[in-house]
Amino acid sequence: MKLDAQKVYEYLQAIPKGKVVTYGQIAQYLGNKHWAQPVGNILHQNPDGDKYPCYKVVNSTGRLAVGYAFGGIEQQKKRLEQDGVEVLNYRVDLKKYGI
């Protein structure tokens, strides 16, 4: 089975407002928990950050992405906060905001 970028983007559209997911959660959902890094690579190539809200994806500890494709970590923080997600020290509480 091959990782399908379109499936990653479709998953992003299903994340509710005020919630986040991890790269690993997306990988697991798509069928292989070892796809977390390839998921990150796909997100970095995201063609439309508004249509496919990759700002809602954080690492397994809740940390934001330094290399967020649409303006870096500060922009990711801003977008999450606009969504109602509290960000402290560039981390999100996965117990509170994760799905």
N, C-alpha and C. Protein backbone atom coordinates (compact mmCIF):
# COMPACT_ATOMS: atom_id res chain seq x y z
N MET A 1 0.85 -1.20 0.00
CA MET A 1 0.00 0.00 0.00
C MET A 1 0.89 1.25 0.00
N LYS A 2 0.51 2.22 -0.79
CA LYS A 2 1.29 3.45 -0.93
C LYS A 2 0.55 4.62 -0.27
N LEU A 3 1.31 5.52 0.30
CA LEU A 3 0.72 6.70 0.93
C LEU A 3 0.20 7.63 -0.16
N ASP A 4 -1.06 8.02 -0.06
CA ASP A 4 -1.72 8.85 -1.05
C ASP A 4 -1.85 10.28 -0.50
N ALA A 5 -1.18 11.23 -1.14
CA ALA A 5 -1.20 12.61 -0.68
C ALA A 5 -2.62 13.16 -0.61
N GLN A 6 -3.44 12.82 -1.57
CA GLN A 6 -4.81 13.33 -1.58
C GLN A 6 -5.58 12.86 -0.35
N LYS A 7 -5.31 11.64 0.10
CA LYS A 7 -5.98 11.13 1.31
C LYS A 7 -5.54 11.92 2.54
N VAL A 8 -4.27 12.32 2.57
CA VAL A 8 -3.77 13.16 3.67
C VAL A 8 -4.52 14.48 3.67
N TYR A 9 -4.63 15.10 2.50
CA TYR A 9 -5.31 16.40 2.41
C TYR A 9 -6.79 16.28 2.77
N GLU A 10 -7.43 15.20 2.35
CA GLU A 10 -8.84 14.99 2.70
C GLU A 10 -9.02 14.84 4.21
N TYR A 11 -8.07 14.15 4.85
CA TYR A 11 -8.14 13.98 6.30
C TYR A 11 -8.08 15.34 7.00
N LEU A 12 -7.23 16.23 6.50
CA LEU A 12 -7.10 17.55 7.11
C LEU A 12 -8.43 18.29 7.13
N GLN A 13 -9.21 18.11 6.09
CA GLN A 13 -10.49 18.81 5.99
C GLN A 13 -11.51 18.30 7.02
N ALA A 14 -11.27 17.14 7.57
CA ALA A 14 -12.20 16.55 8.54
C ALA A 14 -11.88 16.91 9.99
N ILE A 15 -10.76 17.59 10.23
CA ILE A 15 -10.38 17.95 11.60
C ILE A 15 -11.28 19.10 12.06
N PRO A 16 -12.01 18.91 13.15
CA PRO A 16 -12.91 19.96 13.62
C PRO A 16 -12.16 21.21 14.08
N LYS A 17 -12.86 22.33 14.02
CA LYS A 17 -12.31 23.59 14.52
C LYS A 17 -11.97 23.42 16.00
N GLY A 18 -10.82 23.95 16.40
CA GLY A 18 -10.42 23.88 17.80
C GLY A 18 -9.75 22.57 18.18
N LYS A 19 -9.45 21.73 17.19
CA LYS A 19 -8.80 20.45 17.45
C LYS A 19 -7.53 20.32 16.62
N VAL A 20 -6.63 19.45 17.09
CA VAL A 20 -5.39 19.16 16.38
C VAL A 20 -5.20 17.65 16.29
N VAL A 21 -4.34 17.24 15.37
CA VAL A 21 -3.94 15.83 15.25
C VAL A 21 -2.42 15.79 15.13
N THR A 22 -1.87 14.61 15.32
CA THR A 22 -0.43 14.43 15.15
C THR A 22 -0.15 13.79 13.79
N TYR A 23 1.09 13.91 13.36
CA TYR A 23 1.51 13.26 12.11
C TYR A 23 1.25 11.76 12.22
N GLY A 24 1.55 11.20 13.38
CA GLY A 24 1.36 9.78 13.61
C GLY A 24 -0.09 9.35 13.55
N GLN A 25 -0.99 10.19 14.04
CA GLN A 25 -2.41 9.87 13.98
C GLN A 25 -2.88 9.79 12.52
N ILE A 26 -2.41 10.72 11.71
CA ILE A 26 -2.77 10.70 10.29
C ILE A 26 -2.21 9.43 9.65
N ALA A 27 -0.95 9.13 9.95
CA ALA A 27 -0.31 7.94 9.40
C ALA A 27 -1.08 6.68 9.79
N GLN A 28 -1.44 6.58 11.06
CA GLN A 28 -2.19 5.41 11.55
C GLN A 28 -3.54 5.31 10.84
N TYR A 29 -4.22 6.43 10.72
CA TYR A 29 -5.52 6.45 10.05
C TYR A 29 -5.40 5.96 8.60
N LEU A 30 -4.31 6.31 7.95
CA LEU A 30 -4.11 5.93 6.55
C LEU A 30 -3.52 4.54 6.38
N GLY A 31 -3.26 3.85 7.51
CA GLY A 31 -2.91 2.45 7.40
C GLY A 31 -1.52 2.03 7.80
N ASN A 32 -0.65 2.98 8.18
CA ASN A 32 0.70 2.58 8.56
C ASN A 32 1.29 3.61 9.52
N LYS A 33 1.44 3.22 10.78
CA LYS A 33 1.95 4.16 11.80
C LYS A 33 3.34 4.67 11.49
N HIS A 34 4.07 4.00 10.61
CA HIS A 34 5.43 4.42 10.25
C HIS A 34 5.46 5.50 9.18
N TRP A 35 4.32 5.93 8.74
CA TRP A 35 4.24 6.97 7.71
C TRP A 35 4.24 8.39 8.27
N ALA A 36 4.51 8.57 9.53
CA ALA A 36 4.45 9.92 10.12
C ALA A 36 5.37 10.90 9.39
N GLN A 37 6.60 10.51 9.12
CA GLN A 37 7.52 11.42 8.43
C GLN A 37 7.07 11.69 6.99
N PRO A 38 6.68 10.67 6.22
CA PRO A 38 6.16 10.96 4.89
C PRO A 38 4.92 11.86 4.92
N VAL A 39 4.08 11.72 5.94
CA VAL A 39 2.92 12.62 6.08
C VAL A 39 3.43 14.05 6.22
N GLY A 40 4.45 14.25 7.05
CA GLY A 40 5.03 15.59 7.20
C GLY A 40 5.57 16.13 5.90
N ASN A 41 6.20 15.29 5.11
CA ASN A 41 6.72 15.71 3.81
C ASN A 41 5.59 16.14 2.88
N ILE A 42 4.50 15.39 2.90
CA ILE A 42 3.34 15.74 2.09
C ILE A 42 2.76 17.08 2.54
N LEU A 43 2.65 17.27 3.84
CA LEU A 43 2.10 18.52 4.36
C LEU A 43 2.97 19.71 3.97
N HIS A 44 4.26 19.49 3.90
CA HIS A 44 5.16 20.60 3.51
C HIS A 44 4.97 20.99 2.05
N GLN A 45 4.35 20.12 1.27
CA GLN A 45 4.08 20.40 -0.15
C GLN A 45 2.62 20.83 -0.37
N ASN A 46 1.90 21.05 0.71
CA ASN A 46 0.48 21.41 0.66
C ASN A 46 0.25 22.54 -0.34
N PRO A 47 -0.63 22.32 -1.34
CA PRO A 47 -0.86 23.34 -2.36
C PRO A 47 -1.77 24.49 -1.89
N ASP A 48 -2.52 24.29 -0.80
CA ASP A 48 -3.49 25.30 -0.37
C ASP A 48 -3.74 25.19 1.13
N GLY A 49 -3.06 26.04 1.89
CA GLY A 49 -3.15 25.98 3.35
C GLY A 49 -4.50 26.35 3.92
N ASP A 50 -5.34 27.03 3.14
CA ASP A 50 -6.68 27.34 3.61
C ASP A 50 -7.63 26.18 3.35
N LYS A 51 -7.53 25.59 2.17
CA LYS A 51 -8.39 24.45 1.83
C LYS A 51 -8.01 23.22 2.63
N TYR A 52 -6.70 23.03 2.84
CA TYR A 52 -6.17 21.87 3.57
C TYR A 52 -5.42 22.38 4.80
N PRO A 53 -6.11 22.52 5.94
CA PRO A 53 -5.56 23.19 7.12
C PRO A 53 -4.47 22.41 7.87
N CYS A 54 -3.28 22.38 7.29
CA CYS A 54 -2.18 21.64 7.89
C CYS A 54 -1.66 22.29 9.17
N TYR A 55 -2.09 23.52 9.46
CA TYR A 55 -1.69 24.15 10.72
C TYR A 55 -2.23 23.37 11.92
N LYS A 56 -3.21 22.49 11.70
CA LYS A 56 -3.80 21.71 12.78
C LYS A 56 -3.02 20.45 13.10
N VAL A 57 -1.86 20.27 12.46
CA VAL A 57 -1.05 19.07 12.68
C VAL A 57 0.18 19.43 13.51
N VAL A 58 0.40 18.67 14.58
CA VAL A 58 1.53 18.89 15.48
C VAL A 58 2.26 17.56 15.67
N ASN A 59 3.42 17.61 16.33
CA ASN A 59 4.14 16.35 16.54
C ASN A 59 3.54 15.57 17.72
N SER A 60 4.12 14.44 18.02
CA SER A 60 3.55 13.53 19.03
C SER A 60 3.55 14.09 20.44
N THR A 61 4.32 15.15 20.68
CA THR A 61 4.31 15.78 22.00
C THR A 61 3.48 17.07 22.01
N GLY A 62 2.85 17.38 20.87
CA GLY A 62 2.04 18.59 20.78
C GLY A 62 2.80 19.79 20.28
N ARG A 63 4.06 19.61 19.94
CA ARG A 63 4.90 20.72 19.50
C ARG A 63 4.53 21.16 18.08
N LEU A 64 4.54 22.47 17.87
CA LEU A 64 4.28 23.03 16.56
C LEU A 64 5.47 22.80 15.63
N ALA A 65 5.24 23.00 14.33
CA ALA A 65 6.26 22.74 13.31
C ALA A 65 7.10 23.99 13.04
N VAL A 66 8.40 23.90 13.31
CA VAL A 66 9.31 25.01 13.02
C VAL A 66 9.24 25.34 11.53
N GLY A 67 9.11 24.31 10.70
CA GLY A 67 9.08 24.50 9.26
C GLY A 67 7.68 24.58 8.67
N TYR A 68 6.71 25.07 9.44
CA TYR A 68 5.34 25.18 8.92
C TYR A 68 5.38 25.91 7.58
N ALA A 69 4.82 25.28 6.57
CA ALA A 69 4.96 25.72 5.18
C ALA A 69 4.36 27.08 4.86
N PHE A 70 3.45 27.56 5.68
CA PHE A 70 2.78 28.81 5.37
C PHE A 70 3.13 29.91 6.38
N GLY A 71 4.42 30.16 6.55
CA GLY A 71 4.84 31.28 7.38
C GLY A 71 5.60 30.91 8.64
N GLY A 72 5.92 29.66 8.83
CA GLY A 72 6.71 29.26 9.99
C GLY A 72 5.89 29.07 11.25
N ILE A 73 6.59 28.80 12.33
CA ILE A 73 5.96 28.43 13.60
C ILE A 73 5.07 29.54 14.18
N GLU A 74 5.46 30.79 13.98
CA GLU A 74 4.65 31.90 14.52
C GLU A 74 3.29 31.95 13.82
N GLN A 75 3.28 31.71 12.53
CA GLN A 75 2.02 31.71 11.79
C GLN A 75 1.15 30.52 12.19
N GLN A 76 1.77 29.37 12.39
CA GLN A 76 1.00 28.21 12.84
C GLN A 76 0.36 28.50 14.20
N LYS A 77 1.14 29.08 15.09
CA LYS A 77 0.63 29.45 16.43
C LYS A 77 -0.56 30.40 16.31
N LYS A 78 -0.42 31.40 15.46
CA LYS A 78 -1.48 32.39 15.27
C LYS A 78 -2.76 31.72 14.75
N ARG A 79 -2.62 30.84 13.76
CA ARG A 79 -3.79 30.18 13.17
C ARG A 79 -4.48 29.27 14.19
N LEU A 80 -3.69 28.55 14.98
CA LEU A 80 -4.29 27.69 16.01
C LEU A 80 -5.04 28.52 17.04
N GLU A 81 -4.44 29.62 17.48
CA GLU A 81 -5.09 30.47 18.48
C GLU A 81 -6.38 31.07 17.91
N GLN A 82 -6.38 31.41 16.63
CA GLN A 82 -7.60 31.92 16.00
C GLN A 82 -8.70 30.86 15.99
N ASP A 83 -8.29 29.60 16.00
CA ASP A 83 -9.21 28.47 16.03
C ASP A 83 -9.68 28.13 17.45
N GLY A 84 -9.12 28.82 18.45
CA GLY A 84 -9.50 28.55 19.83
C GLY A 84 -8.60 27.57 20.55
N VAL A 85 -7.46 27.25 19.95
CA VAL A 85 -6.52 26.31 20.56
C VAL A 85 -5.47 27.10 21.33
N GLU A 86 -5.30 26.78 22.60
CA GLU A 86 -4.30 27.44 23.43
C GLU A 86 -2.92 26.86 23.12
N VAL A 87 -1.96 27.76 22.85
CA VAL A 87 -0.59 27.35 22.55
C VAL A 87 0.33 27.96 23.60
N LEU A 88 1.03 27.10 24.34
CA LEU A 88 1.97 27.56 25.36
C LEU A 88 3.36 27.04 25.01
N ASN A 89 4.33 27.94 24.90
CA ASN A 89 5.70 27.56 24.55
C ASN A 89 5.73 26.70 23.28
N TYR A 90 4.91 27.11 22.31
CA TYR A 90 4.84 26.43 21.01
C TYR A 90 4.41 24.97 21.12
N ARG A 91 3.58 24.70 22.13
CA ARG A 91 3.03 23.35 22.33
C ARG A 91 1.52 23.46 22.57
N VAL A 92 0.85 22.39 22.18
CA VAL A 92 -0.59 22.26 22.37
C VAL A 92 -0.82 21.09 23.32
N ASP A 93 -1.77 21.23 24.22
CA ASP A 93 -2.14 20.15 25.13
C ASP A 93 -2.98 19.14 24.34
N LEU A 94 -2.39 18.01 24.00
CA LEU A 94 -3.08 17.01 23.19
C LEU A 94 -4.26 16.39 23.93
N LYS A 95 -4.21 16.34 25.24
CA LYS A 95 -5.34 15.78 26.00
C LYS A 95 -6.56 16.69 25.88
N LYS A 96 -6.31 17.98 25.77
CA LYS A 96 -7.39 18.94 25.69
C LYS A 96 -7.85 19.20 24.25
N TYR A 97 -6.90 19.29 23.32
CA TYR A 97 -7.22 19.70 21.95
C TYR A 97 -7.08 18.62 20.89
N GLY A 98 -6.56 17.47 21.27
CA GLY A 98 -6.42 16.38 20.31
C GLY A 98 -7.74 15.67 20.06
N ILE A 99 -7.81 14.98 18.91
CA ILE A 99 -9.01 14.20 18.63
C ILE A 99 -8.73 12.71 18.81
